Protein backbone atom coordinates (compact mmCIF):
# COMPACT_ATOMS: atom_id res chain seq x y z
CA MET A 1 -5.19 44.34 1.19
CA LYS A 2 -7.73 42.11 2.91
CA LEU A 3 -5.99 39.89 5.47
CA SER A 4 -7.47 36.68 4.07
CA THR A 5 -6.05 37.60 0.65
CA TYR A 6 -2.62 38.07 2.23
CA VAL A 7 -2.88 34.58 3.76
CA ILE A 8 -3.71 32.91 0.45
CA ASN A 9 -1.07 34.89 -1.45
CA PHE A 10 1.50 33.73 1.10
CA LEU A 11 0.56 30.09 0.51
CA ALA A 12 0.70 30.50 -3.27
CA GLU A 13 4.19 31.98 -3.01
CA LYS A 14 5.24 28.88 -1.06
CA GLY A 15 4.13 26.62 -3.90
CA VAL A 16 0.80 25.47 -2.48
CA SER A 17 -1.42 24.64 -5.47
CA GLN A 18 -4.45 23.10 -3.73
CA VAL A 19 -6.33 23.68 -0.51
CA PHE A 20 -8.99 21.37 0.91
CA GLY A 21 -11.89 22.14 3.16
CA MET A 22 -15.54 23.02 3.61
CA SER A 23 -17.30 26.33 3.71
CA GLY A 24 -18.76 27.76 6.90
CA GLY A 25 -19.67 31.14 8.33
CA ALA A 26 -16.30 31.76 9.97
CA ALA A 27 -14.28 30.71 6.91
CA VAL A 28 -16.04 32.50 4.06
CA HIS A 29 -13.40 35.21 3.68
CA LEU A 30 -10.54 32.72 3.46
CA LEU A 31 -12.37 30.72 0.81
CA ASP A 32 -13.37 33.89 -1.02
CA SER A 33 -9.70 34.75 -1.29
CA VAL A 34 -8.87 31.25 -2.51
CA SER A 35 -11.42 31.60 -5.30
CA LYS A 36 -9.78 34.83 -6.46
CA ASN A 37 -6.22 33.49 -6.57
CA ASP A 38 -5.47 31.84 -9.91
CA LYS A 39 -2.49 29.90 -8.47
CA ILE A 40 -4.52 27.88 -5.95
CA ASP A 41 -7.49 25.60 -6.53
CA PHE A 42 -10.06 24.64 -3.90
CA VAL A 43 -11.22 21.04 -3.46
CA CYS A 44 -14.43 20.96 -1.45
CA SER A 45 -14.45 17.86 0.75
CA GLN A 46 -17.62 16.19 2.02
CA HIS A 47 -16.36 16.19 5.62
CA GLU A 48 -13.72 18.23 7.42
CA GLN A 49 -11.93 15.09 8.60
CA SER A 50 -11.44 14.20 4.94
CA ALA A 51 -10.15 17.73 4.23
CA ALA A 52 -7.35 17.35 6.78
CA ILE A 53 -6.50 13.90 5.42
CA SER A 54 -6.51 15.17 1.82
CA ALA A 55 -4.06 17.88 2.89
CA ASP A 56 -1.94 15.11 4.40
CA GLY A 57 -2.06 13.06 1.18
CA TYR A 58 -1.18 16.15 -0.86
CA ALA A 59 1.86 16.82 1.33
CA ARG A 60 3.09 13.20 1.25
CA THR A 61 2.85 13.17 -2.54
CA THR A 62 4.39 16.55 -3.33
CA GLY A 63 6.64 17.36 -0.38
CA ARG A 64 4.90 20.75 -0.21
CA LEU A 65 2.75 22.12 2.60
CA GLY A 66 -0.73 20.57 2.73
CA VAL A 67 -3.48 23.01 3.70
CA ALA A 68 -7.03 22.57 4.97
CA ILE A 69 -9.50 25.41 5.65
CA THR A 70 -12.63 25.08 7.79
CA THR A 71 -15.00 27.10 9.89
CA SER A 72 -15.03 27.35 13.68
CA GLY A 73 -16.42 24.90 16.25
CA PRO A 74 -17.31 21.52 14.74
CA GLY A 75 -15.67 22.44 11.45
CA ALA A 76 -12.39 22.90 13.27
CA THR A 77 -12.66 19.96 15.65
CA ASN A 78 -13.43 17.60 12.76
CA LEU A 79 -9.88 18.27 11.52
CA LEU A 80 -8.35 16.59 14.56
CA THR A 81 -7.98 13.02 13.25
CA GLY A 82 -6.24 14.11 10.05
CA THR A 83 -4.03 16.49 12.01
CA CYS A 84 -2.92 13.56 14.18
CA CYS A 85 -2.02 11.58 11.06
CA SER A 86 0.31 14.36 9.93
CA PHE A 87 1.79 14.97 13.36
CA TYR A 88 2.67 11.36 14.12
CA ASP A 89 4.01 10.65 10.61
CA SER A 90 6.07 13.85 10.25
CA VAL A 91 4.00 15.35 7.42
CA PRO A 92 3.96 19.17 7.00
CA THR A 93 0.35 20.39 7.03
CA LEU A 94 -1.36 23.65 7.99
CA MET A 95 -4.87 23.79 9.41
CA LEU A 96 -6.45 27.21 8.90
CA THR A 97 -9.53 27.48 11.10
CA GLY A 98 -12.01 30.31 11.14
CA GLN A 99 -13.06 31.64 14.52
CA VAL A 100 -15.83 33.85 15.88
CA ALA A 101 -15.17 37.59 15.75
CA SER A 102 -12.60 38.77 18.28
CA HIS A 103 -15.14 40.76 20.30
CA ARG A 104 -17.19 37.57 20.76
CA LEU A 105 -14.34 35.48 22.20
CA LYS A 106 -14.97 34.43 25.79
CA GLY A 107 -11.42 35.26 26.86
CA GLN A 108 -11.01 34.76 30.61
CA LEU A 109 -14.72 34.78 31.38
CA ASP A 110 -15.94 31.80 33.40
CA ILE A 111 -18.28 30.62 30.65
CA ARG A 112 -18.14 27.87 28.07
CA GLN A 113 -18.94 29.96 25.00
CA ARG A 114 -19.62 33.54 24.09
CA GLY A 115 -19.76 33.45 20.31
CA PHE A 116 -21.81 31.03 18.27
CA GLN A 117 -19.74 27.90 17.51
CA GLU A 118 -16.85 29.27 19.55
CA THR A 119 -14.36 26.54 20.51
CA ASP A 120 -10.85 26.87 21.93
CA VAL A 121 -9.14 24.91 19.15
CA VAL A 122 -5.64 26.00 20.14
CA SER A 123 -5.89 24.07 23.41
CA ILE A 124 -7.49 21.07 21.72
CA PHE A 125 -4.85 20.84 18.99
CA GLY A 126 -1.88 21.86 21.11
CA SER A 127 -0.60 18.35 21.77
CA VAL A 128 -0.76 17.23 18.11
CA THR A 129 0.75 20.24 16.37
CA LYS A 130 4.22 21.75 16.41
CA TYR A 131 2.69 25.23 16.55
CA ALA A 132 -0.89 26.26 17.27
CA VAL A 133 -1.90 29.89 17.66
CA GLN A 134 -4.94 32.14 17.57
CA LEU A 135 -4.32 35.41 15.76
CA GLU A 136 -4.53 38.16 18.38
CA LYS A 137 -4.33 41.19 16.08
CA PRO A 138 -4.28 41.54 12.30
CA GLU A 139 -0.79 42.96 12.14
CA ASP A 140 0.59 39.66 13.52
CA ILE A 141 -0.50 37.63 10.48
CA ARG A 142 2.83 37.67 8.67
CA PHE A 143 4.66 36.57 11.83
CA CYS A 144 2.21 33.73 12.47
CA LEU A 145 2.28 32.49 8.87
CA GLU A 146 6.06 32.57 8.61
CA LYS A 147 6.50 30.82 11.94
CA ALA A 148 3.89 28.19 11.10
CA TYR A 149 5.52 27.47 7.75
CA TYR A 150 8.97 27.26 9.33
CA MET A 151 7.79 24.97 12.12
CA ALA A 152 5.96 22.65 9.72
CA PHE A 153 9.26 21.75 8.02
CA GLU A 154 11.88 22.44 10.70
CA GLY A 155 13.57 19.44 12.35
CA ARG A 156 11.03 16.65 12.38
CA PRO A 157 8.17 17.97 10.18
CA GLY A 158 4.57 17.98 11.33
CA SER A 159 1.25 19.75 11.53
CA VAL A 160 0.59 23.39 12.52
CA LEU A 161 -2.57 25.42 13.06
CA ILE A 162 -3.59 29.08 12.85
CA ASP A 163 -7.00 30.10 14.21
CA ILE A 164 -8.20 33.38 12.65
CA PRO A 165 -11.19 35.33 14.02
CA ASP A 166 -13.72 36.34 11.39
CA ASP A 167 -13.29 40.09 11.82
CA PHE A 168 -9.52 39.77 11.38
CA GLN A 169 -9.96 37.81 8.14
CA ARG A 170 -11.74 40.80 6.60
CA ALA A 171 -9.47 43.42 8.17
CA ASP A 172 -7.57 45.77 5.86
CA ILE A 173 -3.79 45.49 6.31
CA ASP A 174 -0.69 47.04 4.77
CA PRO A 175 1.66 44.14 3.85
CA ASP A 176 4.67 46.47 3.86
CA LYS A 177 4.16 47.30 7.53
CA LEU A 178 3.82 43.75 8.86
CA HIS A 179 6.56 42.34 11.08
CA GLY A 180 8.02 38.95 10.18
CA PHE A 181 9.36 35.88 11.97
CA THR A 182 13.08 35.16 12.35
CA PRO A 183 13.93 31.73 13.74
CA ASP A 184 16.35 31.58 16.65
CA LEU A 185 18.93 29.29 15.12
CA SER A 186 21.10 29.46 18.25
CA THR A 187 18.70 27.09 20.04
CA GLN A 188 19.02 24.40 17.38
CA LYS A 189 21.25 21.48 18.17
CA ALA A 190 23.45 20.96 15.17
CA ALA A 191 24.90 17.51 14.67
CA GLN A 192 28.32 18.14 16.15
CA GLY A 193 31.06 16.11 14.52
CA LEU A 194 28.54 14.23 12.37
CA GLU A 195 31.14 12.72 10.07
CA THR A 196 33.09 11.39 13.07
CA GLN A 197 29.94 9.90 14.63
CA ILE A 198 28.94 8.22 11.38
CA SER A 199 32.47 6.89 10.92
CA SER A 200 32.34 5.27 14.36
CA VAL A 201 28.98 3.66 13.60
CA MET A 202 30.07 2.38 10.21
CA LYS A 203 33.30 0.88 11.53
CA ALA A 204 31.23 -1.17 13.98
CA PHE A 205 28.77 -2.06 11.22
CA PHE A 206 31.46 -3.40 8.88
CA ALA A 207 33.13 -5.27 11.74
CA ALA A 208 29.93 -7.19 12.51
CA LYS A 209 29.40 -10.82 11.51
CA ARG A 210 25.64 -10.53 11.02
CA PRO A 211 24.91 -6.87 10.10
CA VAL A 212 21.42 -5.75 9.10
CA VAL A 213 20.14 -2.44 7.71
CA VAL A 214 16.71 -1.31 8.91
CA LEU A 215 14.88 1.22 6.72
CA GLY A 216 11.92 3.22 8.04
CA GLY A 217 9.36 5.73 6.85
CA GLY A 218 11.49 8.65 8.02
CA LEU A 219 13.44 8.24 4.78
CA LYS A 220 10.42 9.43 2.79
CA THR A 221 8.67 11.87 5.16
CA PRO A 222 10.52 13.95 4.26
CA ASP A 223 12.13 12.29 1.27
CA CYS A 224 15.86 12.16 1.93
CA GLY A 225 16.46 12.39 -1.81
CA PHE A 226 19.02 9.60 -2.16
CA ASP A 227 19.29 6.47 -4.30
CA LEU A 228 18.54 3.93 -1.59
CA PRO A 229 18.88 0.82 -3.79
CA SER A 230 22.43 1.90 -4.64
CA LEU A 231 23.16 2.69 -1.00
CA VAL A 232 22.13 -0.72 0.30
CA THR A 233 24.02 -2.42 -2.52
CA ALA A 234 27.13 -0.51 -1.43
CA LEU A 235 26.57 -1.58 2.17
CA GLY A 236 26.10 -5.22 1.15
CA ALA A 237 24.06 -6.24 4.20
CA PRO A 238 20.53 -7.66 4.27
CA VAL A 239 17.80 -5.04 4.50
CA VAL A 240 14.52 -5.21 6.44
CA THR A 241 11.92 -2.47 6.51
CA SER A 242 9.10 -1.11 8.56
CA TRP A 243 5.75 -1.14 6.77
CA ALA A 244 6.19 2.55 6.02
CA ALA A 245 9.34 1.72 4.05
CA VAL A 246 8.31 -1.47 2.19
CA ASP A 247 8.29 0.53 -1.07
CA LEU A 248 11.81 1.98 -0.76
CA LEU A 249 13.40 -1.02 -2.50
CA PRO A 250 11.94 -2.94 -5.43
CA HIS A 251 10.75 -6.40 -4.46
CA ASP A 252 13.48 -8.14 -6.46
CA HIS A 253 16.43 -6.30 -4.90
CA PRO A 254 18.74 -9.15 -3.82
CA LEU A 255 19.33 -7.72 -0.35
CA LYS A 256 15.67 -7.05 0.48
CA MET A 257 14.40 -9.43 3.16
CA GLY A 258 10.96 -7.87 3.55
CA SER A 259 9.34 -6.23 6.53
CA PHE A 260 9.50 -7.32 10.15
CA GLY A 261 7.36 -7.01 13.25
CA VAL A 262 4.15 -8.24 14.84
CA TYR A 263 2.25 -8.95 11.59
CA ALA A 264 5.26 -9.35 9.31
CA PRO A 265 6.59 -12.44 7.50
CA ARG A 266 8.87 -14.77 9.43
CA LEU A 267 11.84 -14.15 7.13
CA GLY A 268 12.30 -10.53 8.18
CA ASN A 269 11.80 -11.41 11.83
CA TYR A 270 14.49 -14.11 11.73
CA VAL A 271 16.89 -11.69 10.08
CA VAL A 272 16.38 -9.06 12.80
CA GLN A 273 16.34 -11.46 15.72
CA ASN A 274 19.64 -13.09 14.77
CA ALA A 275 21.55 -9.93 13.84
CA ASP A 276 24.58 -8.80 15.77
CA PHE A 277 24.35 -5.22 14.45
CA LEU A 278 21.30 -3.16 13.41
CA LEU A 279 21.79 0.08 11.50
CA CYS A 280 18.44 1.85 11.87
CA LEU A 281 17.69 4.64 9.40
CA GLY A 282 14.41 6.53 9.60
CA THR A 283 12.64 4.23 12.05
CA ARG A 284 11.69 4.85 15.65
CA LEU A 285 11.39 1.08 16.27
CA SER A 286 7.75 1.19 17.31
CA GLN A 287 6.17 -1.60 19.33
CA ASN A 288 4.64 -2.95 16.13
CA LEU A 289 8.22 -3.67 15.07
CA THR A 290 9.81 -4.78 18.34
CA GLY A 291 6.90 -6.73 19.82
CA GLY A 292 5.77 -6.21 23.38
CA ILE A 293 8.61 -8.08 25.11
CA LEU A 294 11.34 -5.51 24.55
CA PRO A 295 14.26 -7.51 26.04
CA SER A 296 13.58 -10.19 23.42
CA PHE A 297 14.10 -7.83 20.47
CA ALA A 298 17.39 -8.23 18.54
CA ARG A 299 18.82 -9.23 21.89
CA GLU A 300 22.38 -9.95 20.72
CA ALA A 301 22.59 -6.98 18.38
CA GLU A 302 24.48 -3.75 18.78
CA ILE A 303 21.89 -1.14 17.74
CA ALA A 304 22.65 2.17 16.03
CA MET A 305 19.91 4.75 15.45
CA ILE A 306 20.11 7.95 13.43
CA ASP A 307 17.18 10.23 14.21
CA ILE A 308 16.46 13.94 14.36
CA SER A 309 14.68 13.39 17.71
CA ALA A 310 16.84 12.44 20.68
CA GLY A 311 13.72 11.34 22.54
CA GLU A 312 13.08 8.55 20.06
CA MET A 313 16.46 7.06 20.98
CA GLU A 314 16.10 7.66 24.71
CA LYS A 315 12.63 6.12 25.11
CA PHE A 316 14.03 2.60 25.44
CA ASP A 317 16.31 3.43 28.37
CA GLY A 318 15.39 1.17 31.26
CA PHE A 319 12.88 -0.82 29.20
CA GLY A 320 15.04 -3.60 27.82
CA ILE A 321 16.50 -2.30 24.55
CA ASN A 322 19.93 -0.69 24.50
CA ILE A 323 20.63 1.82 21.76
CA ALA A 324 24.42 1.66 21.67
CA HIS A 325 25.03 4.31 19.00
CA ARG A 326 22.85 7.44 19.00
CA VAL A 327 23.28 10.00 16.25
CA GLN A 328 20.93 12.96 16.40
CA ALA A 329 20.80 14.29 12.87
CA ARG A 330 18.66 14.69 9.79
CA LEU A 331 18.91 11.68 7.52
CA SER A 332 19.55 14.04 4.61
CA ASP A 333 22.73 15.11 6.44
CA ALA A 334 23.74 11.64 7.64
CA VAL A 335 23.16 9.51 4.54
CA PRO A 336 25.91 11.16 2.42
CA HIS A 337 28.46 10.23 5.10
CA ILE A 338 27.16 6.65 5.17
CA GLN A 339 27.34 6.51 1.36
CA ALA A 340 30.91 7.84 1.36
CA PHE A 341 32.08 5.37 4.01
CA ALA A 342 30.40 2.44 2.24
CA GLY A 343 32.02 3.46 -1.03
CA THR A 344 35.41 2.99 0.58
CA ALA A 345 34.85 0.10 3.01
CA GLY A 346 31.93 -1.86 1.51
CA PRO A 347 30.29 -4.04 0.67
CA CYS A 348 30.13 -6.25 3.78
CA LYS A 349 32.13 -9.45 3.51
CA THR A 350 29.98 -11.91 5.45
CA PRO A 351 29.56 -15.07 3.33
CA ASP A 352 28.48 -17.25 6.28
CA TRP A 353 25.70 -14.77 7.13
CA HIS A 354 24.48 -14.69 3.54
CA ALA A 355 24.44 -18.51 3.45
CA VAL A 356 22.09 -18.47 6.45
CA LEU A 357 19.90 -15.87 4.73
CA GLU A 358 19.57 -18.10 1.67
CA LYS A 359 18.52 -20.98 3.91
CA TRP A 360 15.80 -18.83 5.53
CA GLN A 361 14.61 -17.54 2.16
CA SER A 362 14.12 -21.12 1.06
CA ARG A 363 12.36 -22.12 4.30
CA PHE A 364 10.17 -19.08 5.04
CA GLY A 365 9.52 -17.13 1.89
CA PRO A 366 7.15 -16.45 0.38
CA GLU A 367 4.52 -17.30 2.99
CA ILE A 368 0.91 -17.28 1.80
CA TYR A 369 -1.76 -18.01 4.41
CA ASP A 370 -4.84 -18.05 2.21
CA PRO A 371 -7.83 -20.11 3.33
CA ASP A 372 -9.38 -22.72 1.08
CA ASP A 373 -11.08 -21.22 -1.96
CA LYS A 374 -14.71 -20.22 -1.52
CA ASP A 375 -17.12 -19.59 -4.38
CA GLY A 376 -17.91 -15.94 -5.05
CA CYS A 377 -14.84 -14.44 -3.38
CA LEU A 378 -11.07 -14.09 -3.65
CA ASN A 379 -8.25 -14.81 -1.24
CA ALA A 380 -6.42 -11.68 -0.12
CA TYR A 381 -2.75 -12.60 -0.41
CA SER A 382 -3.19 -14.13 -3.85
CA PHE A 383 -5.21 -11.10 -5.00
CA ILE A 384 -2.60 -8.60 -3.78
CA GLU A 385 0.19 -10.48 -5.49
CA LYS A 386 -1.79 -10.50 -8.73
CA LEU A 387 -2.77 -6.83 -8.37
CA SER A 388 0.85 -5.78 -7.91
CA GLY A 389 1.62 -7.07 -11.40
CA TYR A 390 -0.80 -4.52 -12.88
CA VAL A 391 -0.05 -1.36 -10.88
CA PRO A 392 2.46 0.57 -13.03
CA ALA A 393 5.94 1.56 -11.90
CA GLU A 394 6.13 5.08 -10.46
CA GLU A 395 2.47 4.98 -9.30
CA THR A 396 1.36 6.26 -5.90
CA ILE A 397 -0.67 3.84 -3.79
CA PHE A 398 -2.70 4.63 -0.68
CA ALA A 399 -3.78 1.90 1.74
CA ASP A 400 -6.15 2.19 4.67
CA THR A 401 -5.71 0.40 7.99
CA GLY A 402 -6.51 -3.15 9.10
CA GLY A 403 -6.49 -6.20 6.88
CA ASN A 404 -6.07 -4.43 3.54
CA LEU A 405 -2.91 -2.73 4.83
CA THR A 406 -1.48 -5.94 6.32
CA TRP A 407 -2.07 -7.98 3.18
CA THR A 408 -0.64 -5.20 1.01
CA CYS A 409 2.55 -4.74 3.04
CA ASN A 410 3.19 -8.48 3.17
CA ALA A 411 2.31 -9.51 -0.38
CA PHE A 412 2.58 -6.53 -2.76
CA GLN A 413 5.60 -6.76 -5.07
CA PHE A 414 6.83 -3.18 -5.43
CA LYS A 415 8.28 -1.85 -8.66
CA PRO A 416 10.87 0.96 -8.90
CA GLY A 417 9.45 4.38 -8.11
CA GLN A 418 6.19 3.16 -6.60
CA ARG A 419 5.23 4.78 -3.31
CA LEU A 420 2.88 3.36 -0.70
CA HIS A 421 1.32 5.79 1.77
CA SER A 422 -0.82 5.14 4.81
CA ALA A 423 -1.39 6.81 8.17
CA TRP A 424 1.23 4.57 9.73
CA ASN A 425 1.09 5.75 13.32
CA ASN A 426 -2.46 7.08 13.81
CA THR A 427 -4.11 4.52 11.49
CA PRO A 428 -7.71 5.73 11.33
CA MET A 429 -10.21 3.83 9.25
CA GLY A 430 -11.27 5.99 6.32
CA TYR A 431 -7.82 7.47 5.59
CA SER A 432 -6.84 6.16 2.17
CA LEU A 433 -9.65 7.56 0.01
CA PRO A 434 -9.41 11.23 1.09
CA ALA A 435 -5.60 10.94 1.10
CA ALA A 436 -5.73 9.64 -2.47
CA ILE A 437 -7.92 12.63 -3.33
CA GLY A 438 -5.15 14.90 -2.04
CA ALA A 439 -2.63 13.17 -4.29
CA ALA A 440 -4.93 13.20 -7.32
CA ALA A 441 -5.63 16.91 -6.85
CA ALA A 442 -1.91 17.63 -6.74
CA GLU A 443 -1.13 15.61 -9.88
CA PRO A 444 -4.39 15.30 -11.85
CA ASP A 445 -2.79 13.60 -14.87
CA LYS A 446 -1.35 10.73 -12.81
CA PRO A 447 -3.54 7.75 -11.82
CA VAL A 448 -3.62 6.80 -8.13
CA THR A 449 -4.42 3.41 -6.63
CA CYS A 450 -6.50 3.42 -3.42
CA LEU A 451 -6.97 0.33 -1.25
CA ILE A 452 -9.59 0.41 1.50
CA GLY A 453 -11.66 -1.96 3.63
CA ASP A 454 -15.42 -1.99 3.97
CA GLY A 455 -15.23 -0.59 7.49
CA GLY A 456 -12.98 2.25 6.37
CA LEU A 457 -15.10 3.11 3.35
CA MET A 458 -18.23 3.49 5.51
CA ILE A 459 -16.48 6.34 7.31
CA CYS A 460 -15.59 8.29 4.15
CA LEU A 461 -18.14 6.94 1.68
CA ALA A 462 -19.30 10.41 0.66
CA GLU A 463 -15.84 11.24 -0.71
CA LEU A 464 -16.61 9.07 -3.73
CA ALA A 465 -18.70 12.07 -4.80
CA THR A 466 -15.56 14.23 -4.63
CA VAL A 467 -13.77 11.80 -6.92
CA VAL A 468 -16.62 11.99 -9.44
CA LYS A 469 -16.95 15.78 -9.16
CA HIS A 470 -13.31 16.33 -10.13
CA LYS A 471 -13.00 13.32 -12.47
CA MET A 472 -10.00 12.13 -10.47
CA LYS A 473 -8.01 9.24 -11.87
CA ILE A 474 -8.38 7.13 -8.74
CA ARG A 475 -8.80 3.37 -8.85
CA THR A 476 -10.55 2.53 -5.58
CA PHE A 477 -10.24 -1.14 -4.62
CA LEU A 478 -12.65 -2.07 -1.84
CA PHE A 479 -11.52 -5.09 0.18
CA ASN A 480 -15.02 -6.28 0.99
CA ASN A 481 -14.82 -9.08 3.55
CA HIS A 482 -18.12 -8.00 5.12
CA GLY A 483 -16.63 -7.18 8.50
CA HIS A 484 -13.71 -5.83 10.48
CA GLY A 485 -11.40 -8.77 9.82
CA ILE A 486 -8.54 -7.85 12.13
CA GLN A 487 -10.95 -7.30 15.02
CA LYS A 488 -12.68 -10.61 14.35
CA GLN A 489 -9.30 -12.32 14.62
CA THR A 490 -8.56 -10.46 17.87
CA LEU A 491 -11.86 -11.60 19.39
CA GLU A 492 -11.22 -15.16 18.27
CA THR A 493 -7.82 -15.08 19.97
CA TRP A 494 -8.78 -13.39 23.23
CA LEU A 495 -12.52 -13.60 23.82
CA GLY A 496 -13.63 -16.99 22.56
CA SER A 497 -15.06 -15.62 19.29
CA ASN A 498 -17.65 -13.52 21.12
CA TYR A 499 -18.19 -11.16 18.21
CA VAL A 500 -19.40 -7.65 19.05
CA GLY A 501 -19.58 -4.96 16.39
CA VAL A 502 -17.24 -6.71 13.94
CA HIS A 503 -19.63 -7.93 11.21
CA GLU A 504 -23.29 -7.55 10.30
CA PRO A 505 -24.59 -10.35 12.57
CA SER A 506 -22.83 -8.66 15.53
CA GLY A 507 -24.02 -5.12 14.89
CA LEU A 508 -22.30 -3.54 11.89
CA ALA A 509 -24.48 -1.99 9.21
CA PHE A 510 -23.07 -2.09 5.70
CA THR A 511 -24.53 -1.08 2.35
CA ASP A 512 -24.37 -2.32 -1.22
CA PHE A 513 -21.13 -0.48 -1.97
CA ALA A 514 -21.12 -1.24 -5.68
CA ALA A 515 -24.67 0.10 -6.06
CA VAL A 516 -23.80 3.28 -4.13
CA ALA A 517 -20.68 3.87 -6.21
CA ASN A 518 -22.62 3.30 -9.41
CA SER A 519 -25.34 5.71 -8.30
CA MET A 520 -22.68 8.40 -7.82
CA GLY A 521 -21.56 7.98 -11.41
CA LEU A 522 -18.50 5.77 -11.00
CA LYS A 523 -17.62 2.96 -13.36
CA THR A 524 -18.03 -0.07 -11.11
CA ILE A 525 -16.61 -3.58 -11.36
CA THR A 526 -16.93 -6.49 -8.94
CA LEU A 527 -14.09 -9.01 -8.63
CA ASN A 528 -15.27 -12.35 -7.27
CA ASN A 529 -13.95 -14.98 -9.67
CA LYS A 530 -10.28 -15.93 -9.71
CA ASP A 531 -10.62 -17.42 -13.18
CA ARG A 532 -11.64 -13.99 -14.55
CA LEU A 533 -9.26 -11.97 -12.40
CA GLU A 534 -6.62 -11.19 -15.01
CA ALA A 535 -9.16 -10.14 -17.63
CA ASP A 536 -10.94 -7.94 -15.07
CA LEU A 537 -7.68 -6.30 -13.96
CA GLU A 538 -6.72 -5.59 -17.56
CA GLU A 539 -10.05 -3.81 -18.05
CA ILE A 540 -9.62 -1.80 -14.85
CA PHE A 541 -6.12 -0.59 -15.66
CA ALA A 542 -7.04 0.22 -19.25
CA TYR A 543 -9.83 2.57 -18.11
CA GLU A 544 -8.86 6.25 -18.13
CA GLY A 545 -11.25 7.72 -15.55
CA PRO A 546 -12.15 6.99 -11.93
CA VAL A 547 -13.23 3.41 -11.27
CA PHE A 548 -14.63 1.66 -8.21
CA VAL A 549 -13.69 -2.01 -7.76
CA ASN A 550 -15.64 -4.13 -5.29
CA VAL A 551 -13.30 -7.00 -4.39
CA GLU A 552 -15.20 -9.76 -2.62
CA ILE A 553 -12.62 -11.02 -0.11
CA ASN A 554 -13.03 -14.40 1.56
CA PRO A 555 -14.60 -13.68 4.99
CA ASP A 556 -12.51 -16.57 6.37
CA GLN A 557 -9.28 -14.72 5.50
CA ARG A 558 -7.06 -14.10 8.51
CA LEU A 559 -3.86 -12.17 9.07
CA PHE A 560 -0.91 -14.52 9.43
CA PRO A 561 1.78 -14.80 10.53
CA VAL A 562 1.16 -12.85 13.74
CA LEU A 563 3.06 -12.58 16.99
CA LYS A 564 1.53 -14.43 19.89
CA PHE A 565 1.28 -12.93 23.37
CA GLY A 566 4.41 -13.22 25.49
CA ALA A 567 6.60 -14.37 22.61
CA ALA A 568 9.62 -13.03 20.75
CA LEU A 569 9.43 -12.13 17.06
CA GLU A 570 10.81 -15.50 16.01
CA ASP A 571 7.82 -17.31 17.55
CA GLN A 572 4.71 -16.33 15.55
CA LEU A 573 1.39 -17.99 14.82
CA PRO A 574 0.72 -20.37 13.13
CA ALA A 575 3.21 -21.85 15.57
CA LEU A 576 6.27 -23.77 14.43
CA ASP A 577 7.55 -26.76 16.33
CA GLN A 578 10.08 -25.74 18.94
CA SER A 579 12.62 -27.96 17.21
CA ASP A 580 12.03 -26.04 13.98
CA ILE A 581 12.67 -22.73 15.72
CA GLU A 582 15.82 -24.06 17.35
CA GLU A 583 17.08 -25.39 14.03
CA HIS A 584 16.77 -22.06 12.27
CA MET A 585 17.82 -19.65 15.02
CA VAL A 586 21.50 -18.68 14.99
CA ILE A 587 21.22 -17.44 18.56
CA LYS A 588 19.41 -19.17 21.39
CA PRO A 589 15.58 -18.90 21.15
CA PHE A 590 14.00 -16.56 23.68
CA SER A 591 12.32 -17.80 26.82
CA MET A 592 10.74 -15.81 29.62
């Protein structure tokens, strides 16, 4: 059997139904084998970066391994951004890179290259993969594939890479004589006494006067598989989420207090800042959540974290946040113990705390910071709220980075079963469209909603052709504010509005997006009139095929509320009077 055929057969046996990539001289055998396997389809991307991101979107949607295949040199290095997205967000993906023939590898020679387009991708990708290896001899292929697959899912999932020289791809191998990989389970740290640890945490949680549950994206990458709305109801405490988890509870769940953090609504921030116990599930408490002044974060709360990575709980030591309870375990192992304890002890009996929550809900939510209406454009928060009424339950939504992501996380009203995906921790512009392609390829009968900004679309504009080629049921909503809105706001705050490279007058070059989309064969609609918005949305969601929607967003739209420099989460812009902060804080407001 040809080695490349063995590779593709292996992936098919693992349930991989799609691979993404681009052809190139050092990858032709791998793609030839894909074309001859009736269990796997090939989606040809327009750029290798998009191929890696499509593999990421495929994996987030299906829970299966996402795979991208490219040639050597620039084909391989273009995968790096998408690989980072998977690595930082715990998404299992495999990058298969072609390489020059083994006899053309430079080895230990003191030269930069020997073979044409030779690049040491293993070294380049080593810090953003769980396993990166160059195949050294054909008979090692089974070992490398089995180890890569195991590592992609083991512990905290992530990206892996196998670099295969061209001559090895076409080598003839005997599958029955290949040696396999056996993981060394003795080195794994099992959660010793997990039930006892969880019991200790939950006793402290139910003894608290102001308990709060924090849900993070780790509950869905990988999906822990539990009924979270029922769990939080059993716990009976208010729930706040990271942006990556805003979809885990429907918007009308009575205990949902929204997201929290630097760009989050005030309600969630007041809940976190005044808590006396935080139960953190699936969140690493990034700086976007805590703010930059770590000692100010939840400063009177006892914090419990459950995480597969001990390092995520240890990183705060000496920096102002004390993680009092540290449980190193998979959430899929820990949540059943939490559910069982809550079923006996819950729900929380904290009427005074819930009375305060109702007061904050009345005072702070919902917060809409739309500018005054301007002819020919829509305001972002109002548009998102309206859009969320049309996106069906159970639909998958992809959002890019920047303003469109912020407005979506703060204003979208999620229905049961909806899932929002973004590259939460790497956040490249140009993520959401190729990621949506990955999802649409995996489930071609299910529509997908894609939200992207004008800056992000410029980076992956060519992928609209991929959507048309495969007749993918993707609704692409372009948030067209004619600039990089979040960067404009940053320059206004810090550099006296000295705009550089943030809109067309300061150097950006945009195109007529609607005309480009139309020229590619997409049905195209422009939304720029709030009086016609409902009729336009009805038309969009009634359409069966791919559709491109140019949403003219008010260029004056800003991202509020936002944390100001040197402040705690309870003190965001637009600034409240100090007396207002003092009135609503249960604990003493923070001061440096």
